[in-house]
């Protein structure tokens, strides 16, 4: 199931973000600086909610853990 088919991906990701102090701070920082990057962060967390040490891979143009 892809993100476009499953509309609950954002809700799942926000649940992960709100349940983790560090991820929430990072998400809020992205929201202020670059809202598109904040959405990409949520997409990543919806697929991999248990990921740690998340970073942006500029070569691939996506988040990696």
PDB file of N, CA and C in Angstrom:
ATOM      1  N   UNK A   1       0.825  -1.173   0.000  1.00  0.00           N
ATOM      2  CA  UNK A   1       0.000   0.000   0.000  1.00  0.00           C
ATOM      3  C   UNK A   1       0.878   1.248   0.000  1.00  0.00           C
ATOM      4  N   UNK A   2       0.698   2.121  -0.953  1.00  0.00           N
ATOM      5  CA  UNK A   2       1.475   3.343  -1.036  1.00  0.00           C
ATOM      6  C   UNK A   2       0.867   4.451  -0.211  1.00  0.00           C
ATOM      7  N   UNK A   3       1.595   5.529  -0.101  1.00  0.00           N
ATOM      8  CA  UNK A   3       1.114   6.662   0.674  1.00  0.00           C
ATOM      9  C   UNK A   3      -0.145   7.262   0.082  1.00  0.00           C
ATOM     10  N   UNK A   4      -0.251   7.282  -1.236  1.00  0.00           N
ATOM     11  CA  UNK A   4      -1.420   7.886  -1.863  1.00  0.00           C
ATOM     12  C   UNK A   4      -2.693   7.084  -1.601  1.00  0.00           C
ATOM     13  N   UNK A   5      -2.562   5.780  -1.425  1.00  0.00           N
ATOM     14  CA  UNK A   5      -3.725   4.931  -1.183  1.00  0.00           C
ATOM     15  C   UNK A   5      -4.148   4.949   0.286  1.00  0.00           C
ATOM     16  N   UNK A   6      -3.217   5.180   1.169  1.00  0.00           N
ATOM     17  CA  UNK A   6      -3.507   5.137   2.592  1.00  0.00           C
ATOM     18  C   UNK A   6      -3.487   6.555   3.153  1.00  0.00           C
ATOM     19  N   UNK A   7      -4.666   7.103   3.425  1.00  0.00           N
ATOM     20  CA  UNK A   7      -4.775   8.483   3.881  1.00  0.00           C
ATOM     21  C   UNK A   7      -4.415   8.660   5.354  1.00  0.00           C
ATOM     22  N   UNK A   8      -4.235   7.583   6.064  1.00  0.00           N
ATOM     23  CA  UNK A   8      -3.917   7.685   7.488  1.00  0.00           C
ATOM     24  C   UNK A   8      -2.423   7.804   7.757  1.00  0.00           C
ATOM     25  N   UNK A   9      -1.596   7.881   6.734  1.00  0.00           N
ATOM     26  CA  UNK A   9      -0.149   7.944   6.933  1.00  0.00           C
ATOM     27  C   UNK A   9       0.242   9.162   7.753  1.00  0.00           C
ATOM     28  N   UNK A  10      -0.414  10.281   7.507  1.00  0.00           N
ATOM     29  CA  UNK A  10      -0.065  11.503   8.231  1.00  0.00           C
ATOM     30  C   UNK A  10      -0.449  11.390   9.699  1.00  0.00           C
ATOM     31  N   UNK A  11      -1.596  10.805   9.969  1.00  0.00           N
ATOM     32  CA  UNK A  11      -2.024  10.609  11.353  1.00  0.00           C
ATOM     33  C   UNK A  11      -1.057   9.695  12.103  1.00  0.00           C
ATOM     34  N   UNK A  12      -0.627   8.616  11.444  1.00  0.00           N
ATOM     35  CA  UNK A  12       0.332   7.689  12.066  1.00  0.00           C
ATOM     36  C   UNK A  12       1.638   8.404  12.369  1.00  0.00           C
ATOM     37  N   UNK A  13       2.113   9.182  11.417  1.00  0.00           N
ATOM     38  CA  UNK A  13       3.380   9.892  11.588  1.00  0.00           C
ATOM     39  C   UNK A  13       3.280  10.932  12.697  1.00  0.00           C
ATOM     40  N   UNK A  14       2.180  11.657  12.759  1.00  0.00           N
ATOM     41  CA  UNK A  14       2.005  12.659  13.812  1.00  0.00           C
ATOM     42  C   UNK A  14       1.918  12.005  15.192  1.00  0.00           C
ATOM     43  N   UNK A  15       1.365  10.814  15.252  1.00  0.00           N
ATOM     44  CA  UNK A  15       1.316  10.083  16.515  1.00  0.00           C
ATOM     45  C   UNK A  15       2.736   9.741  16.979  1.00  0.00           C
ATOM     46  N   UNK A  16       3.578   9.331  16.032  1.00  0.00           N
ATOM     47  CA  UNK A  16       4.974   9.023  16.350  1.00  0.00           C
ATOM     48  C   UNK A  16       5.687  10.289  16.811  1.00  0.00           C
ATOM     49  N   UNK A  17       5.492  11.378  16.073  1.00  0.00           N
ATOM     50  CA  UNK A  17       6.145  12.650  16.394  1.00  0.00           C
ATOM     51  C   UNK A  17       5.723  13.142  17.774  1.00  0.00           C
ATOM     52  N   UNK A  18       4.427  13.113  18.052  1.00  0.00           N
ATOM     53  CA  UNK A  18       3.939  13.615  19.335  1.00  0.00           C
ATOM     54  C   UNK A  18       4.313  12.720  20.505  1.00  0.00           C
ATOM     55  N   UNK A  19       4.684  11.493  20.229  1.00  0.00           N
ATOM     56  CA  UNK A  19       5.078  10.563  21.281  1.00  0.00           C
ATOM     57  C   UNK A  19       6.567  10.557  21.566  1.00  0.00           C
ATOM     58  N   UNK A  20       7.327  11.375  20.851  1.00  0.00           N
ATOM     59  CA  UNK A  20       8.778  11.374  21.023  1.00  0.00           C
ATOM     60  C   UNK A  20       9.265  12.819  21.050  1.00  0.00           C
ATOM     61  N   UNK A  21       9.869  13.207  22.152  1.00  0.00           N
ATOM     62  CA  UNK A  21      10.286  14.599  22.360  1.00  0.00           C
ATOM     63  C   UNK A  21      11.252  15.098  21.279  1.00  0.00           C
ATOM     64  N   UNK A  22      12.240  14.296  20.945  1.00  0.00           N
ATOM     65  CA  UNK A  22      13.243  14.701  19.949  1.00  0.00           C
ATOM     66  C   UNK A  22      12.660  14.813  18.552  1.00  0.00           C
ATOM     67  N   UNK A  23      11.838  13.844  18.168  1.00  0.00           N
ATOM     68  CA  UNK A  23      11.235  13.873  16.834  1.00  0.00           C
ATOM     69  C   UNK A  23      10.267  15.039  16.704  1.00  0.00           C
ATOM     70  N   UNK A  24       9.601  15.381  17.786  1.00  0.00           N
ATOM     71  CA  UNK A  24       8.681  16.516  17.761  1.00  0.00           C
ATOM     72  C   UNK A  24       9.445  17.815  17.561  1.00  0.00           C
ATOM     73  N   UNK A  25      10.557  17.953  18.245  1.00  0.00           N
ATOM     74  CA  UNK A  25      11.380  19.161  18.123  1.00  0.00           C
ATOM     75  C   UNK A  25      11.926  19.295  16.697  1.00  0.00           C
ATOM     76  N   UNK A  26      12.367  18.198  16.130  1.00  0.00           N
ATOM     77  CA  UNK A  26      12.884  18.207  14.755  1.00  0.00           C
ATOM     78  C   UNK A  26      11.767  18.567  13.783  1.00  0.00           C
ATOM     79  N   UNK A  27      10.596  17.967  13.956  1.00  0.00           N
ATOM     80  CA  UNK A  27       9.463  18.241  13.074  1.00  0.00           C
ATOM     81  C   UNK A  27       9.063  19.713  13.138  1.00  0.00           C
ATOM     82  N   UNK A  28       8.987  20.257  14.345  1.00  0.00           N
ATOM     83  CA  UNK A  28       8.630  21.668  14.498  1.00  0.00           C
ATOM     84  C   UNK A  28       9.673  22.576  13.863  1.00  0.00           C
ATOM     85  N   UNK A  29      10.923  22.186  13.958  1.00  0.00           N
ATOM     86  CA  UNK A  29      11.993  22.955  13.324  1.00  0.00           C
ATOM     87  C   UNK A  29      11.841  22.950  11.804  1.00  0.00           C
ATOM     88  N   UNK A  30      11.547  21.780  11.250  1.00  0.00           N
ATOM     89  CA  UNK A  30      11.317  21.692   9.804  1.00  0.00           C
ATOM     90  C   UNK A  30      10.094  22.501   9.385  1.00  0.00           C
ATOM     91  N   UNK A  31       9.057  22.515  10.205  1.00  0.00           N
ATOM     92  CA  UNK A  31       7.853  23.275   9.881  1.00  0.00           C
ATOM     93  C   UNK A  31       8.166  24.762   9.751  1.00  0.00           C
ATOM     94  N   UNK A  32       9.024  25.266  10.613  1.00  0.00           N
ATOM     95  CA  UNK A  32       9.392  26.684  10.573  1.00  0.00           C
ATOM     96  C   UNK A  32      10.281  27.003   9.381  1.00  0.00           C
ATOM     97  N   UNK A  33      11.268  26.151   9.126  1.00  0.00           N
ATOM     98  CA  UNK A  33      12.259  26.425   8.086  1.00  0.00           C
ATOM     99  C   UNK A  33      11.781  26.060   6.685  1.00  0.00           C
ATOM    100  N   UNK A  34      11.214  24.859   6.555  1.00  0.00           N
ATOM    101  CA  UNK A  34      10.839  24.345   5.234  1.00  0.00           C
ATOM    102  C   UNK A  34       9.673  23.373   5.369  1.00  0.00           C
ATOM    103  N   UNK A  35       8.444  23.842   5.170  1.00  0.00           N
ATOM    104  CA  UNK A  35       7.271  22.978   5.331  1.00  0.00           C
ATOM    105  C   UNK A  35       7.290  21.732   4.439  1.00  0.00           C
ATOM    106  N   UNK A  36       7.883  21.828   3.263  1.00  0.00           N
ATOM    107  CA  UNK A  36       7.972  20.659   2.382  1.00  0.00           C
ATOM    108  C   UNK A  36       8.851  19.574   3.024  1.00  0.00           C
ATOM    109  N   UNK A  37       9.928  20.007   3.639  1.00  0.00           N
ATOM    110  CA  UNK A  37      10.826  19.067   4.315  1.00  0.00           C
ATOM    111  C   UNK A  37      10.108  18.433   5.510  1.00  0.00           C
ATOM    112  N   UNK A  38       9.272  19.200   6.197  1.00  0.00           N
ATOM    113  CA  UNK A  38       8.503  18.657   7.320  1.00  0.00           C
ATOM    114  C   UNK A  38       7.559  17.553   6.844  1.00  0.00           C
ATOM    115  N   UNK A  39       6.950  17.749   5.682  1.00  0.00           N
ATOM    116  CA  UNK A  39       6.057  16.719   5.144  1.00  0.00           C
ATOM    117  C   UNK A  39       6.841  15.472   4.741  1.00  0.00           C
ATOM    118  N   UNK A  40       8.014  15.647   4.179  1.00  0.00           N
ATOM    119  CA  UNK A  40       8.861  14.503   3.826  1.00  0.00           C
ATOM    120  C   UNK A  40       9.272  13.736   5.085  1.00  0.00           C
ATOM    121  N   UNK A  41       9.522  14.474   6.145  1.00  0.00           N
ATOM    122  CA  UNK A  41       9.864  13.849   7.432  1.00  0.00           C
ATOM    123  C   UNK A  41       8.705  12.991   7.929  1.00  0.00           C
ATOM    124  N   UNK A  42       7.490  13.515   7.817  1.00  0.00           N
ATOM    125  CA  UNK A  42       6.314  12.741   8.215  1.00  0.00           C
ATOM    126  C   UNK A  42       6.140  11.502   7.351  1.00  0.00           C
ATOM    127  N   UNK A  43       6.347  11.632   6.059  1.00  0.00           N
ATOM    128  CA  UNK A  43       6.228  10.480   5.158  1.00  0.00           C
ATOM    129  C   UNK A  43       7.210   9.382   5.562  1.00  0.00           C
ATOM    130  N   UNK A  44       8.436   9.808   5.887  1.00  0.00           N
ATOM    131  CA  UNK A  44       9.449   8.839   6.301  1.00  0.00           C
ATOM    132  C   UNK A  44       9.025   8.145   7.593  1.00  0.00           C
ATOM    133  N   UNK A  45       8.561   8.925   8.566  1.00  0.00           N
ATOM    134  CA  UNK A  45       8.160   8.347   9.853  1.00  0.00           C
ATOM    135  C   UNK A  45       6.937   7.457   9.736  1.00  0.00           C
ATOM    136  N   UNK A  46       6.083   7.727   8.760  1.00  0.00           N
ATOM    137  CA  UNK A  46       4.912   6.859   8.586  1.00  0.00           C
ATOM    138  C   UNK A  46       5.324   5.480   8.095  1.00  0.00           C
ATOM    139  N   UNK A  47       6.420   5.418   7.353  1.00  0.00           N
ATOM    140  CA  UNK A  47       6.920   4.136   6.845  1.00  0.00           C
ATOM    141  C   UNK A  47       7.819   3.435   7.861  1.00  0.00           C
ATOM    142  N   UNK A  48       8.599   4.239   8.608  1.00  0.00           N
ATOM    143  CA  UNK A  48       9.570   3.677   9.554  1.00  0.00           C
ATOM    144  C   UNK A  48       9.445   4.372  10.908  1.00  0.00           C
ATOM    145  N   UNK A  49       8.408   4.074  11.656  1.00  0.00           N
ATOM    146  CA  UNK A  49       8.172   4.784  12.919  1.00  0.00           C
ATOM    147  C   UNK A  49       9.217   4.526  14.005  1.00  0.00           C
ATOM    148  N   UNK A  50       9.935   3.438  13.915  1.00  0.00           N
ATOM    149  CA  UNK A  50      10.932   3.117  14.937  1.00  0.00           C
ATOM    150  C   UNK A  50      12.342   3.567  14.568  1.00  0.00           C
ATOM    151  N   UNK A  51      12.485   4.308  13.495  1.00  0.00           N
ATOM    152  CA  UNK A  51      13.803   4.733  13.022  1.00  0.00           C
ATOM    153  C   UNK A  51      14.460   5.691  14.021  1.00  0.00           C
ATOM    154  N   UNK A  52      15.774   5.552  14.152  1.00  0.00           N
ATOM    155  CA  UNK A  52      16.563   6.457  14.978  1.00  0.00           C
ATOM    156  C   UNK A  52      17.689   7.030  14.124  1.00  0.00           C
ATOM    157  N   UNK A  53      18.231   8.144  14.555  1.00  0.00           N
ATOM    158  CA  UNK A  53      19.300   8.826  13.826  1.00  0.00           C
ATOM    159  C   UNK A  53      18.895   9.088  12.375  1.00  0.00           C
ATOM    160  N   UNK A  54      17.814   9.786  12.212  1.00  0.00           N
ATOM    161  CA  UNK A  54      17.273  10.101  10.895  1.00  0.00           C
ATOM    162  C   UNK A  54      18.010  11.315  10.337  1.00  0.00           C
ATOM    163  N   UNK A  55      18.417  11.215   9.084  1.00  0.00           N
ATOM    164  CA  UNK A  55      19.088  12.345   8.450  1.00  0.00           C
ATOM    165  C   UNK A  55      18.648  12.459   6.999  1.00  0.00           C
ATOM    166  N   UNK A  56      18.893  13.624   6.430  1.00  0.00           N
ATOM    167  CA  UNK A  56      18.528  13.900   5.050  1.00  0.00           C
ATOM    168  C   UNK A  56      19.694  13.506   4.142  1.00  0.00           C
ATOM    169  N   UNK A  57      19.435  12.686   3.164  1.00  0.00           N
ATOM    170  CA  UNK A  57      20.427  12.298   2.164  1.00  0.00           C
ATOM    171  C   UNK A  57      20.211  13.191   0.945  1.00  0.00           C
ATOM    172  N   UNK A  58      21.061  14.189   0.792  1.00  0.00           N
ATOM    173  CA  UNK A  58      20.871  15.162  -0.294  1.00  0.00           C
ATOM    174  C   UNK A  58      21.099  14.543  -1.665  1.00  0.00           C
ATOM    175  N   UNK A  59      21.916  13.511  -1.756  1.00  0.00           N
ATOM    176  CA  UNK A  59      22.136  12.835  -3.049  1.00  0.00           C
ATOM    177  C   UNK A  59      20.874  12.114  -3.510  1.00  0.00           C
ATOM    178  N   UNK A  60      20.200  11.459  -2.580  1.00  0.00           N
ATOM    179  CA  UNK A  60      18.984  10.713  -2.917  1.00  0.00           C
ATOM    180  C   UNK A  60      17.731  11.582  -2.833  1.00  0.00           C
ATOM    181  N   UNK A  61      17.810  12.702  -2.106  1.00  0.00           N
ATOM    182  CA  UNK A  61      16.672  13.580  -1.933  1.00  0.00           C
ATOM    183  C   UNK A  61      15.595  13.003  -1.041  1.00  0.00           C
ATOM    184  N   UNK A  62      16.020  12.317   0.033  1.00  0.00           N
ATOM    185  CA  UNK A  62      15.078  11.712   0.966  1.00  0.00           C
ATOM    186  C   UNK A  62      15.739  11.494   2.315  1.00  0.00           C
ATOM    187  N   UNK A  63      14.917  11.179   3.300  1.00  0.00           N
ATOM    188  CA  UNK A  63      15.421  10.871   4.627  1.00  0.00           C
ATOM    189  C   UNK A  63      15.882   9.426   4.682  1.00  0.00           C
ATOM    190  N   UNK A  64      16.905   9.190   5.475  1.00  0.00           N
ATOM    191  CA  UNK A  64      17.427   7.846   5.707  1.00  0.00           C
ATOM    192  C   UNK A  64      17.700   7.679   7.191  1.00  0.00           C
ATOM    193  N   UNK A  65      17.732   6.437   7.621  1.00  0.00           N
ATOM    194  CA  UNK A  65      18.044   6.157   9.025  1.00  0.00           C
ATOM    195  C   UNK A  65      19.278   5.299   9.109  1.00  0.00           C
TER     196      UNK A  65
END
